[in-house]
Amino acid sequence: MTNATELVADGKSVYLQRCVGCHGVDGSGIVGPDIRPDEVLEKYASAEAMEALVRDGLGEMPEFASKLSDDEIAAVVAYVRGGLG
Protein backbone atom coordinates (compact mmCIF):
# COMPACT_ATOMS: atom_id res chain seq x y z
CA MET A 1 0.00 0.00 0.00
CA THR A 2 1.22 3.46 -0.89
CA ASN A 3 1.51 5.92 1.96
CA ALA A 4 0.31 9.52 1.63
CA THR A 5 3.81 10.89 0.96
CA GLU A 6 4.39 8.42 -1.87
CA LEU A 7 0.92 9.11 -3.28
CA VAL A 8 1.61 12.86 -3.44
CA ALA A 9 5.07 12.26 -4.96
CA ASP A 10 3.52 10.02 -7.61
CA GLY A 11 0.85 12.66 -8.19
CA LYS A 12 3.48 15.36 -8.69
CA SER A 13 5.14 13.25 -11.35
CA VAL A 14 1.83 12.72 -13.16
CA TYR A 15 0.96 16.42 -12.82
CA LEU A 16 4.27 17.54 -14.29
CA GLN A 17 3.88 15.13 -17.21
CA ARG A 18 0.18 15.55 -18.00
CA CYS A 19 -1.30 18.66 -16.38
CA VAL A 20 1.27 21.43 -16.19
CA GLY A 21 0.83 22.45 -19.83
CA CYS A 22 -2.75 23.56 -19.22
CA HIS A 23 -2.81 24.36 -15.51
CA GLY A 24 0.72 25.70 -14.92
CA VAL A 25 3.30 24.65 -12.37
CA ASP A 26 1.49 26.44 -9.55
CA GLY A 27 -2.01 25.51 -10.73
CA SER A 28 -2.98 29.09 -11.55
CA GLY A 29 -3.98 28.12 -15.08
CA ILE A 30 -2.63 28.73 -18.55
CA VAL A 31 -5.23 27.38 -20.96
CA GLY A 32 -6.96 25.39 -18.23
CA PRO A 33 -8.65 26.91 -15.20
CA ASP A 34 -7.09 27.81 -11.86
CA ILE A 35 -6.84 24.60 -9.83
CA ARG A 36 -5.02 25.91 -6.80
CA PRO A 37 -6.50 24.39 -3.64
CA ASP A 38 -8.67 27.35 -2.63
CA GLU A 39 -10.29 27.37 -6.07
CA VAL A 40 -10.61 23.67 -6.72
CA LEU A 41 -11.74 22.61 -3.24
CA GLU A 42 -14.59 25.10 -3.47
CA LYS A 43 -15.82 23.45 -6.69
CA TYR A 44 -15.00 19.84 -5.84
CA ALA A 45 -15.54 19.09 -2.18
CA SER A 46 -14.54 15.44 -2.48
CA ALA A 47 -11.57 13.66 -3.99
CA GLU A 48 -14.02 11.31 -5.69
CA ALA A 49 -15.65 14.20 -7.58
CA MET A 50 -12.25 15.41 -8.76
CA GLU A 51 -11.21 11.91 -9.77
CA ALA A 52 -14.38 11.60 -11.86
CA LEU A 53 -13.57 14.90 -13.57
CA VAL A 54 -10.05 13.77 -14.41
CA ARG A 55 -11.23 10.34 -15.50
CA ASP A 56 -14.21 11.43 -17.60
CA GLY A 57 -13.37 15.01 -18.60
CA LEU A 58 -15.83 17.88 -18.82
CA GLY A 59 -16.04 20.73 -21.30
CA GLU A 60 -12.49 21.69 -22.25
CA MET A 61 -11.03 19.21 -19.74
CA PRO A 62 -10.09 16.08 -21.69
CA GLU A 63 -10.75 12.64 -20.29
CA PHE A 64 -7.75 10.82 -18.89
CA ALA A 65 -9.30 7.38 -18.32
CA SER A 66 -7.61 6.14 -21.48
CA LYS A 67 -4.26 7.71 -20.56
CA LEU A 68 -3.89 7.24 -16.78
CA SER A 69 -4.55 4.35 -14.42
CA ASP A 70 -6.98 4.74 -11.52
CA ASP A 71 -3.96 4.88 -9.19
CA GLU A 72 -2.37 7.68 -11.23
CA ILE A 73 -5.65 9.62 -11.22
CA ALA A 74 -5.97 9.23 -7.44
CA ALA A 75 -2.34 10.33 -7.02
CA VAL A 76 -2.65 13.48 -9.15
CA VAL A 77 -5.85 14.43 -7.34
CA ALA A 78 -4.11 13.96 -3.99
CA TYR A 79 -1.25 16.17 -5.20
CA VAL A 80 -3.60 18.95 -6.36
CA ARG A 81 -5.82 18.75 -3.26
CA GLY A 82 -2.71 18.77 -1.08
CA GLY A 83 -1.61 22.16 -2.35
CA LEU A 84 0.46 21.27 -5.43
CA GLY A 85 3.54 20.68 -3.43
C-alpha atoms as a PDB file:
ATOM      1  CA  MET A   1       0.000   0.000   0.000  1.00  0.00           C
ATOM      2  CA  THR A   2       1.224   3.456  -0.888  1.00  0.00           C
ATOM      3  CA  ASN A   3       1.511   5.924   1.957  1.00  0.00           C
ATOM      4  CA  ALA A   4       0.312   9.520   1.630  1.00  0.00           C
ATOM      5  CA  THR A   5       3.811  10.889   0.962  1.00  0.00           C
ATOM      6  CA  GLU A   6       4.390   8.419  -1.870  1.00  0.00           C
ATOM      7  CA  LEU A   7       0.919   9.111  -3.275  1.00  0.00           C
ATOM      8  CA  VAL A   8       1.606  12.857  -3.440  1.00  0.00           C
ATOM      9  CA  ALA A   9       5.073  12.262  -4.959  1.00  0.00           C
ATOM     10  CA  ASP A  10       3.524  10.016  -7.609  1.00  0.00           C
ATOM     11  CA  GLY A  11       0.855  12.661  -8.186  1.00  0.00           C
ATOM     12  CA  LYS A  12       3.476  15.363  -8.685  1.00  0.00           C
ATOM     13  CA  SER A  13       5.142  13.253 -11.350  1.00  0.00           C
ATOM     14  CA  VAL A  14       1.826  12.715 -13.163  1.00  0.00           C
ATOM     15  CA  TYR A  15       0.956  16.422 -12.815  1.00  0.00           C
ATOM     16  CA  LEU A  16       4.268  17.543 -14.295  1.00  0.00           C
ATOM     17  CA  GLN A  17       3.883  15.130 -17.210  1.00  0.00           C
ATOM     18  CA  ARG A  18       0.181  15.547 -17.997  1.00  0.00           C
ATOM     19  CA  CYS A  19      -1.303  18.661 -16.382  1.00  0.00           C
ATOM     20  CA  VAL A  20       1.270  21.430 -16.192  1.00  0.00           C
ATOM     21  CA  GLY A  21       0.834  22.454 -19.832  1.00  0.00           C
ATOM     22  CA  CYS A  22      -2.754  23.561 -19.224  1.00  0.00           C
ATOM     23  CA  HIS A  23      -2.813  24.364 -15.509  1.00  0.00           C
ATOM     24  CA  GLY A  24       0.721  25.698 -14.919  1.00  0.00           C
ATOM     25  CA  VAL A  25       3.304  24.646 -12.371  1.00  0.00           C
ATOM     26  CA  ASP A  26       1.494  26.440  -9.549  1.00  0.00           C
ATOM     27  CA  GLY A  27      -2.011  25.505 -10.729  1.00  0.00           C
ATOM     28  CA  SER A  28      -2.978  29.094 -11.553  1.00  0.00           C
ATOM     29  CA  GLY A  29      -3.978  28.121 -15.082  1.00  0.00           C
ATOM     30  CA  ILE A  30      -2.629  28.733 -18.550  1.00  0.00           C
ATOM     31  CA  VAL A  31      -5.230  27.381 -20.958  1.00  0.00           C
ATOM     32  CA  GLY A  32      -6.957  25.393 -18.232  1.00  0.00           C
ATOM     33  CA  PRO A  33      -8.648  26.915 -15.195  1.00  0.00           C
ATOM     34  CA  ASP A  34      -7.093  27.806 -11.861  1.00  0.00           C
ATOM     35  CA  ILE A  35      -6.841  24.596  -9.834  1.00  0.00           C
ATOM     36  CA  ARG A  36      -5.021  25.909  -6.801  1.00  0.00           C
ATOM     37  CA  PRO A  37      -6.505  24.389  -3.637  1.00  0.00           C
ATOM     38  CA  ASP A  38      -8.672  27.348  -2.627  1.00  0.00           C
ATOM     39  CA  GLU A  39     -10.291  27.373  -6.072  1.00  0.00           C
ATOM     40  CA  VAL A  40     -10.611  23.673  -6.718  1.00  0.00           C
ATOM     41  CA  LEU A  41     -11.741  22.612  -3.242  1.00  0.00           C
ATOM     42  CA  GLU A  42     -14.595  25.098  -3.470  1.00  0.00           C
ATOM     43  CA  LYS A  43     -15.824  23.453  -6.685  1.00  0.00           C
ATOM     44  CA  TYR A  44     -14.999  19.836  -5.842  1.00  0.00           C
ATOM     45  CA  ALA A  45     -15.544  19.093  -2.178  1.00  0.00           C
ATOM     46  CA  SER A  46     -14.543  15.445  -2.479  1.00  0.00           C
ATOM     47  CA  ALA A  47     -11.570  13.663  -3.991  1.00  0.00           C
ATOM     48  CA  GLU A  48     -14.019  11.306  -5.687  1.00  0.00           C
ATOM     49  CA  ALA A  49     -15.646  14.197  -7.584  1.00  0.00           C
ATOM     50  CA  MET A  50     -12.255  15.415  -8.764  1.00  0.00           C
ATOM     51  CA  GLU A  51     -11.208  11.908  -9.766  1.00  0.00           C
ATOM     52  CA  ALA A  52     -14.380  11.600 -11.859  1.00  0.00           C
ATOM     53  CA  LEU A  53     -13.569  14.902 -13.572  1.00  0.00           C
ATOM     54  CA  VAL A  54     -10.047  13.773 -14.415  1.00  0.00           C
ATOM     55  CA  ARG A  55     -11.233  10.338 -15.500  1.00  0.00           C
ATOM     56  CA  ASP A  56     -14.215  11.429 -17.601  1.00  0.00           C
ATOM     57  CA  GLY A  57     -13.371  15.006 -18.597  1.00  0.00           C
ATOM     58  CA  LEU A  58     -15.831  17.884 -18.818  1.00  0.00           C
ATOM     59  CA  GLY A  59     -16.045  20.733 -21.305  1.00  0.00           C
ATOM     60  CA  GLU A  60     -12.494  21.690 -22.253  1.00  0.00           C
ATOM     61  CA  MET A  61     -11.025  19.214 -19.741  1.00  0.00           C
ATOM     62  CA  PRO A  62     -10.094  16.083 -21.691  1.00  0.00           C
ATOM     63  CA  GLU A  63     -10.746  12.640 -20.294  1.00  0.00           C
ATOM     64  CA  PHE A  64      -7.745  10.817 -18.892  1.00  0.00           C
ATOM     65  CA  ALA A  65      -9.300   7.376 -18.315  1.00  0.00           C
ATOM     66  CA  SER A  66      -7.606   6.144 -21.477  1.00  0.00           C
ATOM     67  CA  LYS A  67      -4.261   7.712 -20.560  1.00  0.00           C
ATOM     68  CA  LEU A  68      -3.894   7.238 -16.780  1.00  0.00           C
ATOM     69  CA  SER A  69      -4.554   4.349 -14.423  1.00  0.00           C
ATOM     70  CA  ASP A  70      -6.978   4.744 -11.518  1.00  0.00           C
ATOM     71  CA  ASP A  71      -3.956   4.882  -9.195  1.00  0.00           C
ATOM     72  CA  GLU A  72      -2.373   7.685 -11.232  1.00  0.00           C
ATOM     73  CA  ILE A  73      -5.646   9.620 -11.222  1.00  0.00           C
ATOM     74  CA  ALA A  74      -5.967   9.230  -7.444  1.00  0.00           C
ATOM     75  CA  ALA A  75      -2.344  10.334  -7.025  1.00  0.00           C
ATOM     76  CA  VAL A  76      -2.650  13.484  -9.149  1.00  0.00           C
ATOM     77  CA  VAL A  77      -5.851  14.433  -7.345  1.00  0.00           C
ATOM     78  CA  ALA A  78      -4.108  13.960  -3.987  1.00  0.00           C
ATOM     79  CA  TYR A  79      -1.254  16.171  -5.200  1.00  0.00           C
ATOM     80  CA  VAL A  80      -3.598  18.947  -6.359  1.00  0.00           C
ATOM     81  CA  ARG A  81      -5.816  18.754  -3.264  1.00  0.00           C
ATOM     82  CA  GLY A  82      -2.715  18.768  -1.077  1.00  0.00           C
ATOM     83  CA  GLY A  83      -1.612  22.162  -2.354  1.00  0.00           C
ATOM     84  CA  LEU A  84       0.461  21.273  -5.430  1.00  0.00           C
ATOM     85  CA  GLY A  85       3.543  20.680  -3.433  1.00  0.00           C
END
